[in-house]
PDB file of N, CA and C in Angstrom:
ATOM      1  N   UNK A   1     -21.471 -25.418  -9.154  1.00  0.00           N
ATOM      2  CA  UNK A   1     -20.875 -24.335  -9.912  1.00  0.00           C
ATOM      3  C   UNK A   1     -21.625 -23.044  -9.596  1.00  0.00           C
ATOM      4  N   UNK A   2     -20.888 -22.021  -9.171  1.00  0.00           N
ATOM      5  CA  UNK A   2     -21.484 -20.717  -8.888  1.00  0.00           C
ATOM      6  C   UNK A   2     -21.460 -19.864 -10.146  1.00  0.00           C
ATOM      7  N   UNK A   3     -22.593 -19.250 -10.441  1.00  0.00           N
ATOM      8  CA  UNK A   3     -22.683 -18.381 -11.605  1.00  0.00           C
ATOM      9  C   UNK A   3     -23.204 -17.013 -11.200  1.00  0.00           C
ATOM     10  N   UNK A   4     -22.825 -16.019 -11.988  1.00  0.00           N
ATOM     11  CA  UNK A   4     -23.314 -14.658 -11.784  1.00  0.00           C
ATOM     12  C   UNK A   4     -23.864 -14.149 -13.103  1.00  0.00           C
ATOM     13  N   UNK A   5     -24.948 -13.418 -13.031  1.00  0.00           N
ATOM     14  CA  UNK A   5     -25.528 -12.775 -14.207  1.00  0.00           C
ATOM     15  C   UNK A   5     -25.562 -11.284 -13.970  1.00  0.00           C
ATOM     16  N   UNK A   6     -24.998 -10.546 -14.912  1.00  0.00           N
ATOM     17  CA  UNK A   6     -25.036  -9.091 -14.881  1.00  0.00           C
ATOM     18  C   UNK A   6     -26.158  -8.671 -15.824  1.00  0.00           C
ATOM     19  N   UNK A   7     -27.131  -7.954 -15.280  1.00  0.00           N
ATOM     20  CA  UNK A   7     -28.301  -7.607 -16.082  1.00  0.00           C
ATOM     21  C   UNK A   7     -28.597  -6.115 -15.994  1.00  0.00           C
ATOM     22  N   UNK A   8     -29.107  -5.592 -17.083  1.00  0.00           N
ATOM     23  CA  UNK A   8     -29.612  -4.225 -17.096  1.00  0.00           C
ATOM     24  C   UNK A   8     -31.122  -4.329 -17.130  1.00  0.00           C
ATOM     25  N   UNK A   9     -31.733  -3.852 -16.042  1.00  0.00           N
ATOM     26  CA  UNK A   9     -33.187  -3.895 -15.894  1.00  0.00           C
ATOM     27  C   UNK A   9     -33.622  -2.674 -15.115  1.00  0.00           C
ATOM     28  N   UNK A  10     -34.749  -2.163 -15.443  1.00  0.00           N
ATOM     29  CA  UNK A  10     -35.320  -1.070 -14.663  1.00  0.00           C
ATOM     30  C   UNK A  10     -35.590  -1.573 -13.247  1.00  0.00           C
ATOM     31  N   UNK A  11     -35.510  -0.685 -12.284  1.00  0.00           N
ATOM     32  CA  UNK A  11     -35.670  -1.075 -10.881  1.00  0.00           C
ATOM     33  C   UNK A  11     -36.989  -1.790 -10.635  1.00  0.00           C
ATOM     34  N   UNK A  12     -38.075  -1.320 -11.243  1.00  0.00           N
ATOM     35  CA  UNK A  12     -39.365  -1.961 -11.007  1.00  0.00           C
ATOM     36  C   UNK A  12     -39.403  -3.375 -11.578  1.00  0.00           C
ATOM     37  N   UNK A  13     -38.730  -3.615 -12.708  1.00  0.00           N
ATOM     38  CA  UNK A  13     -38.677  -4.966 -13.279  1.00  0.00           C
ATOM     39  C   UNK A  13     -37.877  -5.899 -12.373  1.00  0.00           C
ATOM     40  N   UNK A  14     -36.789  -5.393 -11.802  1.00  0.00           N
ATOM     41  CA  UNK A  14     -35.978  -6.213 -10.888  1.00  0.00           C
ATOM     42  C   UNK A  14     -36.774  -6.590  -9.649  1.00  0.00           C
ATOM     43  N   UNK A  15     -37.503  -5.627  -9.108  1.00  0.00           N
ATOM     44  CA  UNK A  15     -38.298  -5.896  -7.902  1.00  0.00           C
ATOM     45  C   UNK A  15     -39.428  -6.876  -8.181  1.00  0.00           C
ATOM     46  N   UNK A  16     -40.052  -6.772  -9.351  1.00  0.00           N
ATOM     47  CA  UNK A  16     -41.134  -7.694  -9.693  1.00  0.00           C
ATOM     48  C   UNK A  16     -40.625  -9.126  -9.851  1.00  0.00           C
ATOM     49  N   UNK A  17     -39.377  -9.289 -10.288  1.00  0.00           N
ATOM     50  CA  UNK A  17     -38.830 -10.622 -10.534  1.00  0.00           C
ATOM     51  C   UNK A  17     -38.398 -11.332  -9.248  1.00  0.00           C
ATOM     52  N   UNK A  18     -38.193 -10.604  -8.176  1.00  0.00           N
ATOM     53  CA  UNK A  18     -37.689 -11.199  -6.928  1.00  0.00           C
ATOM     54  C   UNK A  18     -38.600 -12.299  -6.381  1.00  0.00           C
ATOM     55  N   UNK A  19     -39.906 -12.048  -6.206  1.00  0.00           N
ATOM     56  CA  UNK A  19     -40.742 -13.122  -5.634  1.00  0.00           C
ATOM     57  C   UNK A  19     -40.763 -14.388  -6.492  1.00  0.00           C
ATOM     58  N   UNK A  20     -40.859 -14.232  -7.803  1.00  0.00           N
ATOM     59  CA  UNK A  20     -40.899 -15.409  -8.684  1.00  0.00           C
ATOM     60  C   UNK A  20     -39.584 -16.173  -8.619  1.00  0.00           C
ATOM     61  N   UNK A  21     -38.458 -15.453  -8.602  1.00  0.00           N
ATOM     62  CA  UNK A  21     -37.157 -16.099  -8.510  1.00  0.00           C
ATOM     63  C   UNK A  21     -36.986 -16.833  -7.203  1.00  0.00           C
ATOM     64  N   UNK A  22     -37.437 -16.212  -6.128  1.00  0.00           N
ATOM     65  CA  UNK A  22     -37.348 -16.846  -4.811  1.00  0.00           C
ATOM     66  C   UNK A  22     -38.185 -18.128  -4.776  1.00  0.00           C
ATOM     67  N   UNK A  23     -39.423 -18.028  -5.237  1.00  0.00           N
ATOM     68  CA  UNK A  23     -40.302 -19.201  -5.215  1.00  0.00           C
ATOM     69  C   UNK A  23     -39.776 -20.327  -6.091  1.00  0.00           C
ATOM     70  N   UNK A  24     -39.231 -19.976  -7.242  1.00  0.00           N
ATOM     71  CA  UNK A  24     -38.671 -20.986  -8.141  1.00  0.00           C
ATOM     72  C   UNK A  24     -37.513 -21.724  -7.462  1.00  0.00           C
ATOM     73  N   UNK A  25     -36.619 -20.968  -6.847  1.00  0.00           N
ATOM     74  CA  UNK A  25     -35.483 -21.585  -6.147  1.00  0.00           C
ATOM     75  C   UNK A  25     -35.956 -22.408  -4.951  1.00  0.00           C
ATOM     76  N   UNK A  26     -36.909 -21.877  -4.207  1.00  0.00           N
ATOM     77  CA  UNK A  26     -37.429 -22.574  -3.033  1.00  0.00           C
ATOM     78  C   UNK A  26     -38.080 -23.895  -3.425  1.00  0.00           C
ATOM     79  N   UNK A  27     -38.912 -23.858  -4.454  1.00  0.00           N
ATOM     80  CA  UNK A  27     -39.641 -25.064  -4.870  1.00  0.00           C
ATOM     81  C   UNK A  27     -38.735 -26.113  -5.491  1.00  0.00           C
ATOM     82  N   UNK A  28     -37.755 -25.676  -6.258  1.00  0.00           N
ATOM     83  CA  UNK A  28     -36.875 -26.648  -6.917  1.00  0.00           C
ATOM     84  C   UNK A  28     -35.752 -27.114  -6.002  1.00  0.00           C
ATOM     85  N   UNK A  29     -35.387 -26.263  -5.040  1.00  0.00           N
ATOM     86  CA  UNK A  29     -34.271 -26.594  -4.153  1.00  0.00           C
ATOM     87  C   UNK A  29     -32.930 -26.506  -4.847  1.00  0.00           C
ATOM     88  N   UNK A  30     -32.908 -25.911  -6.036  1.00  0.00           N
ATOM     89  CA  UNK A  30     -31.676 -25.825  -6.814  1.00  0.00           C
ATOM     90  C   UNK A  30     -31.144 -24.400  -6.836  1.00  0.00           C
ATOM     91  N   UNK A  31     -29.844 -24.315  -6.864  1.00  0.00           N
ATOM     92  CA  UNK A  31     -29.155 -23.035  -6.967  1.00  0.00           C
ATOM     93  C   UNK A  31     -29.435 -22.424  -8.331  1.00  0.00           C
ATOM     94  N   UNK A  32     -29.870 -21.165  -8.347  1.00  0.00           N
ATOM     95  CA  UNK A  32     -30.239 -20.494  -9.598  1.00  0.00           C
ATOM     96  C   UNK A  32     -29.240 -19.416 -10.007  1.00  0.00           C
ATOM     97  N   UNK A  33     -28.129 -19.318  -9.314  1.00  0.00           N
ATOM     98  CA  UNK A  33     -27.150 -18.294  -9.654  1.00  0.00           C
ATOM     99  C   UNK A  33     -27.436 -16.988  -8.928  1.00  0.00           C
ATOM    100  N   UNK A  34     -26.504 -16.076  -9.072  1.00  0.00           N
ATOM    101  CA  UNK A  34     -26.640 -14.770  -8.427  1.00  0.00           C
ATOM    102  C   UNK A  34     -26.745 -13.701  -9.500  1.00  0.00           C
ATOM    103  N   UNK A  35     -27.480 -12.642  -9.182  1.00  0.00           N
ATOM    104  CA  UNK A  35     -27.763 -11.602 -10.163  1.00  0.00           C
ATOM    105  C   UNK A  35     -27.285 -10.246  -9.671  1.00  0.00           C
ATOM    106  N   UNK A  36     -26.706  -9.512 -10.585  1.00  0.00           N
ATOM    107  CA  UNK A  36     -26.287  -8.143 -10.337  1.00  0.00           C
ATOM    108  C   UNK A  36     -27.054  -7.278 -11.325  1.00  0.00           C
ATOM    109  N   UNK A  37     -28.096  -6.607 -10.828  1.00  0.00           N
ATOM    110  CA  UNK A  37     -28.962  -5.814 -11.688  1.00  0.00           C
ATOM    111  C   UNK A  37     -28.584  -4.342 -11.636  1.00  0.00           C
ATOM    112  N   UNK A  38     -28.580  -3.722 -12.802  1.00  0.00           N
ATOM    113  CA  UNK A  38     -28.292  -2.298 -12.940  1.00  0.00           C
ATOM    114  C   UNK A  38     -29.426  -1.662 -13.721  1.00  0.00           C
ATOM    115  N   UNK A  39     -29.777  -0.456 -13.340  1.00  0.00           N
ATOM    116  CA  UNK A  39     -30.922   0.232 -13.936  1.00  0.00           C
ATOM    117  C   UNK A  39     -30.662   0.698 -15.364  1.00  0.00           C
ATOM    118  N   UNK A  40     -29.400   0.926 -15.713  1.00  0.00           N
ATOM    119  CA  UNK A  40     -29.062   1.436 -17.043  1.00  0.00           C
ATOM    120  C   UNK A  40     -27.619   1.060 -17.362  1.00  0.00           C
ATOM    121  N   UNK A  41     -27.243   1.156 -18.644  1.00  0.00           N
ATOM    122  CA  UNK A  41     -25.835   0.928 -18.970  1.00  0.00           C
ATOM    123  C   UNK A  41     -24.919   1.899 -18.222  1.00  0.00           C
ATOM    124  N   UNK A  42     -25.355   3.146 -18.069  1.00  0.00           N
ATOM    125  CA  UNK A  42     -24.545   4.134 -17.349  1.00  0.00           C
ATOM    126  C   UNK A  42     -24.310   3.691 -15.903  1.00  0.00           C
ATOM    127  N   UNK A  43     -25.351   3.174 -15.254  1.00  0.00           N
ATOM    128  CA  UNK A  43     -25.210   2.694 -13.867  1.00  0.00           C
ATOM    129  C   UNK A  43     -24.246   1.506 -13.804  1.00  0.00           C
ATOM    130  N   UNK A  44     -24.352   0.609 -14.768  1.00  0.00           N
ATOM    131  CA  UNK A  44     -23.445  -0.537 -14.823  1.00  0.00           C
ATOM    132  C   UNK A  44     -21.999  -0.072 -14.953  1.00  0.00           C
ATOM    133  N   UNK A  45     -21.744   0.835 -15.896  1.00  0.00           N
ATOM    134  CA  UNK A  45     -20.372   1.250 -16.178  1.00  0.00           C
ATOM    135  C   UNK A  45     -19.800   2.188 -15.118  1.00  0.00           C
ATOM    136  N   UNK A  46     -20.649   2.786 -14.278  1.00  0.00           N
ATOM    137  CA  UNK A  46     -20.139   3.541 -13.131  1.00  0.00           C
ATOM    138  C   UNK A  46     -19.553   2.591 -12.094  1.00  0.00           C
ATOM    139  N   UNK A  47     -20.174   1.429 -11.952  1.00  0.00           N
ATOM    140  CA  UNK A  47     -19.724   0.444 -10.964  1.00  0.00           C
ATOM    141  C   UNK A  47     -18.659  -0.482 -11.548  1.00  0.00           C
ATOM    142  N   UNK A  48     -18.912  -1.000 -12.714  1.00  0.00           N
ATOM    143  CA  UNK A  48     -18.022  -1.980 -13.327  1.00  0.00           C
ATOM    144  C   UNK A  48     -17.202  -1.298 -14.426  1.00  0.00           C
ATOM    145  N   UNK A  49     -16.196  -0.562 -13.979  1.00  0.00           N
ATOM    146  CA  UNK A  49     -15.330   0.181 -14.901  1.00  0.00           C
ATOM    147  C   UNK A  49     -14.403  -0.785 -15.639  1.00  0.00           C
ATOM    148  N   UNK A  50     -13.769  -0.337 -16.716  1.00  0.00           N
ATOM    149  CA  UNK A  50     -12.816  -1.222 -17.408  1.00  0.00           C
ATOM    150  C   UNK A  50     -11.710  -1.746 -16.486  1.00  0.00           C
ATOM    151  N   UNK A  51     -11.202  -0.923 -15.585  1.00  0.00           N
ATOM    152  CA  UNK A  51     -10.145  -1.370 -14.659  1.00  0.00           C
ATOM    153  C   UNK A  51     -10.664  -2.437 -13.705  1.00  0.00           C
ATOM    154  N   UNK A  52     -11.909  -2.280 -13.255  1.00  0.00           N
ATOM    155  CA  UNK A  52     -12.494  -3.265 -12.348  1.00  0.00           C
ATOM    156  C   UNK A  52     -12.778  -4.572 -13.081  1.00  0.00           C
ATOM    157  N   UNK A  53     -13.190  -4.484 -14.338  1.00  0.00           N
ATOM    158  CA  UNK A  53     -13.397  -5.701 -15.126  1.00  0.00           C
ATOM    159  C   UNK A  53     -12.072  -6.435 -15.310  1.00  0.00           C
ATOM    160  N   UNK A  54     -11.010  -5.675 -15.568  1.00  0.00           N
ATOM    161  CA  UNK A  54      -9.674  -6.256 -15.712  1.00  0.00           C
ATOM    162  C   UNK A  54      -9.255  -6.956 -14.411  1.00  0.00           C
ATOM    163  N   UNK A  55      -9.577  -6.353 -13.282  1.00  0.00           N
ATOM    164  CA  UNK A  55      -9.289  -6.932 -11.972  1.00  0.00           C
ATOM    165  C   UNK A  55     -10.017  -8.266 -11.812  1.00  0.00           C
ATOM    166  N   UNK A  56     -11.287  -8.309 -12.190  1.00  0.00           N
ATOM    167  CA  UNK A  56     -12.076  -9.542 -12.105  1.00  0.00           C
ATOM    168  C   UNK A  56     -11.494 -10.611 -13.017  1.00  0.00           C
ATOM    169  N   UNK A  57     -11.145 -10.252 -14.238  1.00  0.00           N
ATOM    170  CA  UNK A  57     -10.544 -11.214 -15.171  1.00  0.00           C
ATOM    171  C   UNK A  57      -9.235 -11.772 -14.619  1.00  0.00           C
ATOM    172  N   UNK A  58      -8.422 -10.900 -14.052  1.00  0.00           N
ATOM    173  CA  UNK A  58      -7.141 -11.330 -13.500  1.00  0.00           C
ATOM    174  C   UNK A  58      -7.353 -12.334 -12.370  1.00  0.00           C
ATOM    175  N   UNK A  59      -8.264 -12.032 -11.464  1.00  0.00           N
ATOM    176  CA  UNK A  59      -8.532 -12.941 -10.352  1.00  0.00           C
ATOM    177  C   UNK A  59      -9.105 -14.269 -10.832  1.00  0.00           C
ATOM    178  N   UNK A  60      -9.931 -14.238 -11.859  1.00  0.00           N
ATOM    179  CA  UNK A  60     -10.471 -15.499 -12.377  1.00  0.00           C
ATOM    180  C   UNK A  60      -9.372 -16.348 -12.995  1.00  0.00           C
ATOM    181  N   UNK A  61      -8.403 -15.696 -13.619  1.00  0.00           N
ATOM    182  CA  UNK A  61      -7.315 -16.433 -14.276  1.00  0.00           C
ATOM    183  C   UNK A  61      -6.255 -16.933 -13.304  1.00  0.00           C
ATOM    184  N   UNK A  62      -6.020 -16.171 -12.223  1.00  0.00           N
ATOM    185  CA  UNK A  62      -4.929 -16.525 -11.311  1.00  0.00           C
ATOM    186  C   UNK A  62      -5.386 -17.237 -10.050  1.00  0.00           C
ATOM    187  N   UNK A  63      -6.621 -17.011  -9.658  1.00  0.00           N
ATOM    188  CA  UNK A  63      -7.083 -17.511  -8.369  1.00  0.00           C
ATOM    189  C   UNK A  63      -6.824 -16.462  -7.300  1.00  0.00           C
ATOM    190  N   UNK A  64      -6.986 -16.819  -6.037  1.00  0.00           N
ATOM    191  CA  UNK A  64      -6.873 -15.854  -4.945  1.00  0.00           C
ATOM    192  C   UNK A  64      -5.517 -15.145  -4.904  1.00  0.00           C
ATOM    193  N   UNK A  65      -5.570 -13.823  -4.716  1.00  0.00           N
ATOM    194  CA  UNK A  65      -4.351 -13.009  -4.595  1.00  0.00           C
ATOM    195  C   UNK A  65      -4.557 -11.952  -3.523  1.00  0.00           C
ATOM    196  N   UNK A  66      -3.467 -11.580  -2.879  1.00  0.00           N
ATOM    197  CA  UNK A  66      -3.488 -10.435  -1.993  1.00  0.00           C
ATOM    198  C   UNK A  66      -3.514  -9.158  -2.831  1.00  0.00           C
ATOM    199  N   UNK A  67      -3.818  -8.047  -2.218  1.00  0.00           N
ATOM    200  CA  UNK A  67      -3.929  -6.780  -2.951  1.00  0.00           C
ATOM    201  C   UNK A  67      -2.605  -6.414  -3.621  1.00  0.00           C
ATOM    202  N   UNK A  68      -1.501  -6.564  -2.919  1.00  0.00           N
ATOM    203  CA  UNK A  68      -0.201  -6.207  -3.519  1.00  0.00           C
ATOM    204  C   UNK A  68       0.137  -7.095  -4.717  1.00  0.00           C
ATOM    205  N   UNK A  69      -0.096  -8.385  -4.579  1.00  0.00           N
ATOM    206  CA  UNK A  69       0.169  -9.302  -5.693  1.00  0.00           C
ATOM    207  C   UNK A  69      -0.754  -9.000  -6.873  1.00  0.00           C
ATOM    208  N   UNK A  70      -1.997  -8.662  -6.580  1.00  0.00           N
ATOM    209  CA  UNK A  70      -2.942  -8.305  -7.633  1.00  0.00           C
ATOM    210  C   UNK A  70      -2.500  -7.025  -8.343  1.00  0.00           C
ATOM    211  N   UNK A  71      -2.047  -6.041  -7.566  1.00  0.00           N
ATOM    212  CA  UNK A  71      -1.560  -4.793  -8.153  1.00  0.00           C
ATOM    213  C   UNK A  71      -0.361  -5.060  -9.065  1.00  0.00           C
ATOM    214  N   UNK A  72       0.543  -5.918  -8.622  1.00  0.00           N
ATOM    215  CA  UNK A  72       1.697  -6.278  -9.465  1.00  0.00           C
ATOM    216  C   UNK A  72       1.241  -6.956 -10.754  1.00  0.00           C
ATOM    217  N   UNK A  73       0.299  -7.900 -10.628  1.00  0.00           N
ATOM    218  CA  UNK A  73      -0.189  -8.629 -11.797  1.00  0.00           C
ATOM    219  C   UNK A  73      -0.865  -7.689 -12.794  1.00  0.00           C
ATOM    220  N   UNK A  74      -1.519  -6.654 -12.274  1.00  0.00           N
ATOM    221  CA  UNK A  74      -2.220  -5.702 -13.135  1.00  0.00           C
ATOM    222  C   UNK A  74      -1.326  -4.559 -13.601  1.00  0.00           C
ATOM    223  N   UNK A  75      -0.159  -4.407 -12.964  1.00  0.00           N
ATOM    224  CA  UNK A  75       0.720  -3.290 -13.286  1.00  0.00           C
ATOM    225  C   UNK A  75       0.123  -1.959 -12.864  1.00  0.00           C
ATOM    226  N   UNK A  76      -0.554  -1.972 -11.708  1.00  0.00           N
ATOM    227  CA  UNK A  76      -1.250  -0.780 -11.219  1.00  0.00           C
ATOM    228  C   UNK A  76      -0.809  -0.429  -9.804  1.00  0.00           C
ATOM    229  N   UNK A  77      -1.142   0.770  -9.394  1.00  0.00           N
ATOM    230  CA  UNK A  77      -0.871   1.281  -8.062  1.00  0.00           C
ATOM    231  C   UNK A  77      -1.682   0.500  -7.020  1.00  0.00           C
ATOM    232  N   UNK A  78      -1.044   0.136  -5.913  1.00  0.00           N
ATOM    233  CA  UNK A  78      -1.691  -0.659  -4.871  1.00  0.00           C
ATOM    234  C   UNK A  78      -2.934   0.041  -4.323  1.00  0.00           C
ATOM    235  N   UNK A  79      -2.860   1.326  -4.081  1.00  0.00           N
ATOM    236  CA  UNK A  79      -3.997   2.079  -3.520  1.00  0.00           C
ATOM    237  C   UNK A  79      -5.204   2.014  -4.449  1.00  0.00           C
ATOM    238  N   UNK A  80      -4.981   2.209  -5.735  1.00  0.00           N
ATOM    239  CA  UNK A  80      -6.088   2.179  -6.709  1.00  0.00           C
ATOM    240  C   UNK A  80      -6.681   0.771  -6.812  1.00  0.00           C
ATOM    241  N   UNK A  81      -5.837  -0.242  -6.806  1.00  0.00           N
ATOM    242  CA  UNK A  81      -6.322  -1.623  -6.853  1.00  0.00           C
ATOM    243  C   UNK A  81      -7.118  -1.930  -5.586  1.00  0.00           C
ATOM    244  N   UNK A  82      -6.634  -1.465  -4.449  1.00  0.00           N
ATOM    245  CA  UNK A  82      -7.360  -1.655  -3.189  1.00  0.00           C
ATOM    246  C   UNK A  82      -8.738  -1.018  -3.263  1.00  0.00           C
ATOM    247  N   UNK A  83      -8.807   0.220  -3.774  1.00  0.00           N
ATOM    248  CA  UNK A  83     -10.093   0.911  -3.905  1.00  0.00           C
ATOM    249  C   UNK A  83     -11.048   0.147  -4.824  1.00  0.00           C
ATOM    250  N   UNK A  84     -10.541  -0.296  -5.970  1.00  0.00           N
ATOM    251  CA  UNK A  84     -11.382  -1.035  -6.912  1.00  0.00           C
ATOM    252  C   UNK A  84     -11.813  -2.378  -6.337  1.00  0.00           C
ATOM    253  N   UNK A  85     -10.904  -3.074  -5.688  1.00  0.00           N
ATOM    254  CA  UNK A  85     -11.236  -4.369  -5.083  1.00  0.00           C
ATOM    255  C   UNK A  85     -12.286  -4.186  -3.988  1.00  0.00           C
ATOM    256  N   UNK A  86     -12.144  -3.145  -3.186  1.00  0.00           N
ATOM    257  CA  UNK A  86     -13.122  -2.881  -2.125  1.00  0.00           C
ATOM    258  C   UNK A  86     -14.513  -2.638  -2.700  1.00  0.00           C
ATOM    259  N   UNK A  87     -14.579  -1.919  -3.816  1.00  0.00           N
ATOM    260  CA  UNK A  87     -15.870  -1.668  -4.471  1.00  0.00           C
ATOM    261  C   UNK A  87     -16.484  -2.969  -4.972  1.00  0.00           C
ATOM    262  N   UNK A  88     -15.662  -3.864  -5.500  1.00  0.00           N
ATOM    263  CA  UNK A  88     -16.166  -5.137  -6.012  1.00  0.00           C
ATOM    264  C   UNK A  88     -16.563  -6.077  -4.870  1.00  0.00           C
ATOM    265  N   UNK A  89     -15.856  -6.008  -3.740  1.00  0.00           N
ATOM    266  CA  UNK A  89     -16.232  -6.786  -2.557  1.00  0.00           C
ATOM    267  C   UNK A  89     -17.572  -6.282  -2.036  1.00  0.00           C
ATOM    268  N   UNK A  90     -17.745  -4.972  -2.031  1.00  0.00           N
ATOM    269  CA  UNK A  90     -18.979  -4.374  -1.507  1.00  0.00           C
ATOM    270  C   UNK A  90     -20.215  -4.847  -2.267  1.00  0.00           C
ATOM    271  N   UNK A  91     -20.111  -4.991  -3.600  1.00  0.00           N
ATOM    272  CA  UNK A  91     -21.290  -5.440  -4.353  1.00  0.00           C
ATOM    273  C   UNK A  91     -21.380  -6.964  -4.446  1.00  0.00           C
ATOM    274  N   UNK A  92     -20.307  -7.673  -4.077  1.00  0.00           N
ATOM    275  CA  UNK A  92     -20.350  -9.129  -4.045  1.00  0.00           C
ATOM    276  C   UNK A  92     -19.745  -9.840  -5.240  1.00  0.00           C
ATOM    277  N   UNK A  93     -19.120  -9.125  -6.150  1.00  0.00           N
ATOM    278  CA  UNK A  93     -18.494  -9.787  -7.296  1.00  0.00           C
ATOM    279  C   UNK A  93     -17.124 -10.358  -6.950  1.00  0.00           C
ATOM    280  N   UNK A  94     -16.532  -9.851  -5.879  1.00  0.00           N
ATOM    281  CA  UNK A  94     -15.255 -10.349  -5.363  1.00  0.00           C
ATOM    282  C   UNK A  94     -15.471 -10.629  -3.876  1.00  0.00           C
ATOM    283  N   UNK A  95     -14.843 -11.673  -3.386  1.00  0.00           N
ATOM    284  CA  UNK A  95     -14.921 -11.999  -1.963  1.00  0.00           C
ATOM    285  C   UNK A  95     -13.519 -12.112  -1.398  1.00  0.00           C
ATOM    286  N   UNK A  96     -13.436 -12.050  -0.070  1.00  0.00           N
ATOM    287  CA  UNK A  96     -12.164 -12.252   0.618  1.00  0.00           C
ATOM    288  C   UNK A  96     -12.141 -13.645   1.218  1.00  0.00           C
ATOM    289  N   UNK A  97     -10.998 -14.307   1.087  1.00  0.00           N
ATOM    290  CA  UNK A  97     -10.819 -15.617   1.702  1.00  0.00           C
ATOM    291  C   UNK A  97     -10.520 -15.420   3.183  1.00  0.00           C
ATOM    292  N   UNK A  98     -10.479 -16.511   3.926  1.00  0.00           N
ATOM    293  CA  UNK A  98     -10.190 -16.430   5.360  1.00  0.00           C
ATOM    294  C   UNK A  98      -8.830 -15.810   5.641  1.00  0.00           C
ATOM    295  N   UNK A  99      -7.883 -15.981   4.712  1.00  0.00           N
ATOM    296  CA  UNK A  99      -6.553 -15.403   4.920  1.00  0.00           C
ATOM    297  C   UNK A  99      -6.399 -14.018   4.279  1.00  0.00           C
ATOM    298  N   UNK A 100      -7.530 -13.406   3.872  1.00  0.00           N
ATOM    299  CA  UNK A 100      -7.515 -12.024   3.398  1.00  0.00           C
ATOM    300  C   UNK A 100      -7.231 -11.832   1.923  1.00  0.00           C
ATOM    301  N   UNK A 101      -7.120 -12.923   1.168  1.00  0.00           N
ATOM    302  CA  UNK A 101      -6.874 -12.791  -0.263  1.00  0.00           C
ATOM    303  C   UNK A 101      -8.192 -12.520  -0.989  1.00  0.00           C
ATOM    304  N   UNK A 102      -8.074 -11.944  -2.170  1.00  0.00           N
ATOM    305  CA  UNK A 102      -9.242 -11.628  -2.987  1.00  0.00           C
ATOM    306  C   UNK A 102      -9.489 -12.752  -3.982  1.00  0.00           C
ATOM    307  N   UNK A 103     -10.755 -13.070  -4.195  1.00  0.00           N
ATOM    308  CA  UNK A 103     -11.113 -14.146  -5.117  1.00  0.00           C
ATOM    309  C   UNK A 103     -12.456 -13.823  -5.777  1.00  0.00           C
ATOM    310  N   UNK A 104     -12.590 -14.194  -7.038  1.00  0.00           N
ATOM    311  CA  UNK A 104     -13.886 -14.140  -7.710  1.00  0.00           C
ATOM    312  C   UNK A 104     -14.537 -15.491  -7.454  1.00  0.00           C
ATOM    313  N   UNK A 105     -15.681 -15.508  -6.755  1.00  0.00           N
ATOM    314  CA  UNK A 105     -16.271 -16.784  -6.350  1.00  0.00           C
ATOM    315  C   UNK A 105     -17.081 -17.487  -7.435  1.00  0.00           C
ATOM    316  N   UNK A 106     -17.109 -16.906  -8.632  1.00  0.00           N
ATOM    317  CA  UNK A 106     -17.959 -17.440  -9.690  1.00  0.00           C
ATOM    318  C   UNK A 106     -17.156 -18.214 -10.722  1.00  0.00           C
ATOM    319  N   UNK A 107     -17.685 -19.363 -11.102  1.00  0.00           N
ATOM    320  CA  UNK A 107     -17.076 -20.147 -12.167  1.00  0.00           C
ATOM    321  C   UNK A 107     -17.395 -19.529 -13.522  1.00  0.00           C
ATOM    322  N   UNK A 108     -18.528 -18.850 -13.571  1.00  0.00           N
ATOM    323  CA  UNK A 108     -18.971 -18.256 -14.834  1.00  0.00           C
ATOM    324  C   UNK A 108     -19.702 -16.950 -14.539  1.00  0.00           C
ATOM    325  N   UNK A 109     -19.409 -15.928 -15.332  1.00  0.00           N
ATOM    326  CA  UNK A 109     -20.098 -14.644 -15.234  1.00  0.00           C
ATOM    327  C   UNK A 109     -20.734 -14.382 -16.589  1.00  0.00           C
ATOM    328  N   UNK A 110     -22.034 -14.142 -16.565  1.00  0.00           N
ATOM    329  CA  UNK A 110     -22.790 -13.880 -17.792  1.00  0.00           C
ATOM    330  C   UNK A 110     -23.288 -12.446 -17.790  1.00  0.00           C
ATOM    331  N   UNK A 111     -23.430 -11.889 -18.982  1.00  0.00           N
ATOM    332  CA  UNK A 111     -24.008 -10.553 -19.128  1.00  0.00           C
ATOM    333  C   UNK A 111     -25.274 -10.680 -19.965  1.00  0.00           C
ATOM    334  N   UNK A 112     -26.355 -10.054 -19.500  1.00  0.00           N
ATOM    335  CA  UNK A 112     -27.645 -10.143 -20.167  1.00  0.00           C
ATOM    336  C   UNK A 112     -28.190  -8.736 -20.379  1.00  0.00           C
ATOM    337  N   UNK A 113     -28.175  -8.292 -21.640  1.00  0.00           N
ATOM    338  CA  UNK A 113     -28.681  -6.961 -21.970  1.00  0.00           C
ATOM    339  C   UNK A 113     -29.755  -7.104 -23.034  1.00  0.00           C
ATOM    340  N   UNK A 114     -30.940  -6.611 -22.743  1.00  0.00           N
ATOM    341  CA  UNK A 114     -32.043  -6.692 -23.694  1.00  0.00           C
ATOM    342  C   UNK A 114     -32.602  -5.297 -23.903  1.00  0.00           C
ATOM    343  N   UNK A 115     -32.761  -4.926 -25.166  1.00  0.00           N
ATOM    344  CA  UNK A 115     -33.416  -3.663 -25.512  1.00  0.00           C
ATOM    345  C   UNK A 115     -34.654  -3.981 -26.333  1.00  0.00           C
ATOM    346  N   UNK A 116     -35.774  -3.403 -25.971  1.00  0.00           N
ATOM    347  CA  UNK A 116     -37.010  -3.611 -26.708  1.00  0.00           C
ATOM    348  C   UNK A 116     -37.475  -2.293 -27.299  1.00  0.00           C
ATOM    349  N   UNK A 117     -38.054  -2.366 -28.458  1.00  0.00           N
ATOM    350  CA  UNK A 117     -38.595  -1.150 -29.064  1.00  0.00           C
ATOM    351  C   UNK A 117     -39.895  -0.768 -28.362  1.00  0.00           C
ATOM    352  N   UNK A 118     -40.203   0.501 -28.402  1.00  0.00           N
ATOM    353  CA  UNK A 118     -41.420   0.992 -27.762  1.00  0.00           C
ATOM    354  C   UNK A 118     -42.660   0.618 -28.569  1.00  0.00           C
ATOM    355  N   UNK A 119     -42.481   0.351 -29.827  1.00  0.00           N
ATOM    356  CA  UNK A 119     -43.626   0.045 -30.696  1.00  0.00           C
ATOM    357  C   UNK A 119     -44.042  -1.392 -30.639  1.00  0.00           C
TER     358      UNK A 119
END
């Protein structure tokens, strides 16, 4: 089962976690999921807009679709859906199948947001 975690973390915290995550996966030999880290809520919402989230939900519910079929399912303009899908492919939340259809490769997507007080 492929999983994705969307996290809000400062860049330095994300970089510090990389070696430990790598070593943990290497030593256990087990898949630990994939992570999409954003420095702030604003950075997250610039990339993962409501329309793009809707696109991801649609693909998870329907399975692989071509851009035109996805646009029809969403009731949106093909050009805009293409632009949004391309952005999601670029960051890895959506992939293309061998026949060019779009698919969300994750069985589960989790969101992890933690806020700590300064005191």
